[in-house]
C-alpha atoms as a PDB file:
ATOM      1  CA  UNK A   1       0.000   0.000   0.000  1.00  0.00           C
ATOM      2  CA  UNK A   2       2.752   2.455   0.902  1.00  0.00           C
ATOM      3  CA  UNK A   3       4.579   1.610  -2.320  1.00  0.00           C
ATOM      4  CA  UNK A   4       1.569   2.519  -4.485  1.00  0.00           C
ATOM      5  CA  UNK A   5       1.226   5.827  -2.613  1.00  0.00           C
ATOM      6  CA  UNK A   6       4.845   6.660  -3.352  1.00  0.00           C
ATOM      7  CA  UNK A   7       4.306   5.815  -7.015  1.00  0.00           C
ATOM      8  CA  UNK A   8       1.228   8.029  -7.099  1.00  0.00           C
ATOM      9  CA  UNK A   9       3.122  10.984  -5.672  1.00  0.00           C
ATOM     10  CA  UNK A  10       5.976  10.363  -8.099  1.00  0.00           C
ATOM     11  CA  UNK A  11       3.550  10.451 -11.029  1.00  0.00           C
ATOM     12  CA  UNK A  12       1.897  13.602  -9.698  1.00  0.00           C
ATOM     13  CA  UNK A  13       5.293  15.258  -9.429  1.00  0.00           C
ATOM     14  CA  UNK A  14       6.106  14.099 -12.942  1.00  0.00           C
ATOM     15  CA  UNK A  15       2.904  15.636 -14.269  1.00  0.00           C
ATOM     16  CA  UNK A  16       3.672  18.935 -12.592  1.00  0.00           C
ATOM     17  CA  UNK A  17       7.209  18.912 -13.965  1.00  0.00           C
ATOM     18  CA  UNK A  18       5.973  18.117 -17.467  1.00  0.00           C
ATOM     19  CA  UNK A  19       3.488  20.980 -17.329  1.00  0.00           C
ATOM     20  CA  UNK A  20       6.235  23.338 -16.207  1.00  0.00           C
ATOM     21  CA  UNK A  21       8.511  22.168 -19.029  1.00  0.00           C
ATOM     22  CA  UNK A  22       5.805  23.038 -21.537  1.00  0.00           C
ATOM     23  CA  UNK A  23       4.462  26.243 -20.031  1.00  0.00           C
ATOM     24  CA  UNK A  24       7.788  27.828 -19.014  1.00  0.00           C
ATOM     25  CA  UNK A  25       9.430  28.216 -22.451  1.00  0.00           C
ATOM     26  CA  UNK A  26       6.092  29.159 -24.033  1.00  0.00           C
ATOM     27  CA  UNK A  27       5.566  32.002 -21.568  1.00  0.00           C
ATOM     28  CA  UNK A  28       9.162  33.108 -21.949  1.00  0.00           C
ATOM     29  CA  UNK A  29       8.726  33.207 -25.737  1.00  0.00           C
ATOM     30  CA  UNK A  30       5.531  35.218 -25.335  1.00  0.00           C
ATOM     31  CA  UNK A  31       7.312  37.673 -23.034  1.00  0.00           C
ATOM     32  CA  UNK A  32      10.192  38.154 -25.490  1.00  0.00           C
ATOM     33  CA  UNK A  33       7.674  38.686 -28.308  1.00  0.00           C
ATOM     34  CA  UNK A  34       5.741  41.176 -26.213  1.00  0.00           C
ATOM     35  CA  UNK A  35       8.859  43.179 -25.375  1.00  0.00           C
ATOM     36  CA  UNK A  36      10.378  43.023 -28.882  1.00  0.00           C
ATOM     37  CA  UNK A  37       7.121  43.376 -30.824  1.00  0.00           C
ATOM     38  CA  UNK A  38       7.824  40.277 -32.921  1.00  0.00           C
ATOM     39  CA  UNK A  39       4.676  38.253 -32.226  1.00  0.00           C
ATOM     40  CA  UNK A  40       4.518  35.154 -32.753  1.00  0.00           C
ATOM     41  CA  UNK A  41       8.099  34.195 -33.671  1.00  0.00           C
ATOM     42  CA  UNK A  42       9.537  33.616 -30.195  1.00  0.00           C
ATOM     43  CA  UNK A  43       6.253  32.234 -28.903  1.00  0.00           C
ATOM     44  CA  UNK A  44       6.423  29.466 -31.496  1.00  0.00           C
ATOM     45  CA  UNK A  45      10.107  28.846 -30.794  1.00  0.00           C
ATOM     46  CA  UNK A  46       9.352  28.598 -27.056  1.00  0.00           C
ATOM     47  CA  UNK A  47       6.441  26.268 -27.727  1.00  0.00           C
ATOM     48  CA  UNK A  48       8.591  23.998 -29.906  1.00  0.00           C
ATOM     49  CA  UNK A  49      11.360  23.905 -27.293  1.00  0.00           C
ATOM     50  CA  UNK A  50       8.799  23.195 -24.572  1.00  0.00           C
ATOM     51  CA  UNK A  51       7.292  20.328 -26.534  1.00  0.00           C
ATOM     52  CA  UNK A  52      10.731  18.842 -27.200  1.00  0.00           C
ATOM     53  CA  UNK A  53      11.781  19.151 -23.549  1.00  0.00           C
ATOM     54  CA  UNK A  54       8.492  17.678 -22.341  1.00  0.00           C
ATOM     55  CA  UNK A  55       8.706  14.731 -24.730  1.00  0.00           C
ATOM     56  CA  UNK A  56      12.284  13.957 -23.743  1.00  0.00           C
ATOM     57  CA  UNK A  57      11.565  14.194 -20.023  1.00  0.00           C
ATOM     58  CA  UNK A  58       8.418  12.082 -20.321  1.00  0.00           C
ATOM     59  CA  UNK A  59      10.307   9.414 -22.242  1.00  0.00           C
ATOM     60  CA  UNK A  60      13.207   9.179 -19.800  1.00  0.00           C
ATOM     61  CA  UNK A  61      11.075   9.316 -16.653  1.00  0.00           C
ATOM     62  CA  UNK A  62       8.537   6.782 -17.858  1.00  0.00           C
ATOM     63  CA  UNK A  63      11.380   4.391 -18.744  1.00  0.00           C
ATOM     64  CA  UNK A  64      12.580   4.716 -15.134  1.00  0.00           C
ATOM     65  CA  UNK A  65       9.062   4.321 -13.754  1.00  0.00           C
ATOM     66  CA  UNK A  66       8.285   1.252 -15.834  1.00  0.00           C
ATOM     67  CA  UNK A  67      11.669  -0.295 -15.136  1.00  0.00           C
ATOM     68  CA  UNK A  68      12.780  -0.650 -18.738  1.00  0.00           C
END
């Protein structure tokens, strides 16, 4: 029972980290666009970097979680 609780908290932390990996670069790109007046160039770059970082983190962490 305690082991499944620990796994649940680990997955919740993973979800929060994945959301941060996606939202952080996107917001940073939006901020740069807002300050430079170049909408949507840096927003799209931030979104692409966020998606790539999220995919890589999800892949590596799920391999650890599943024991592969």
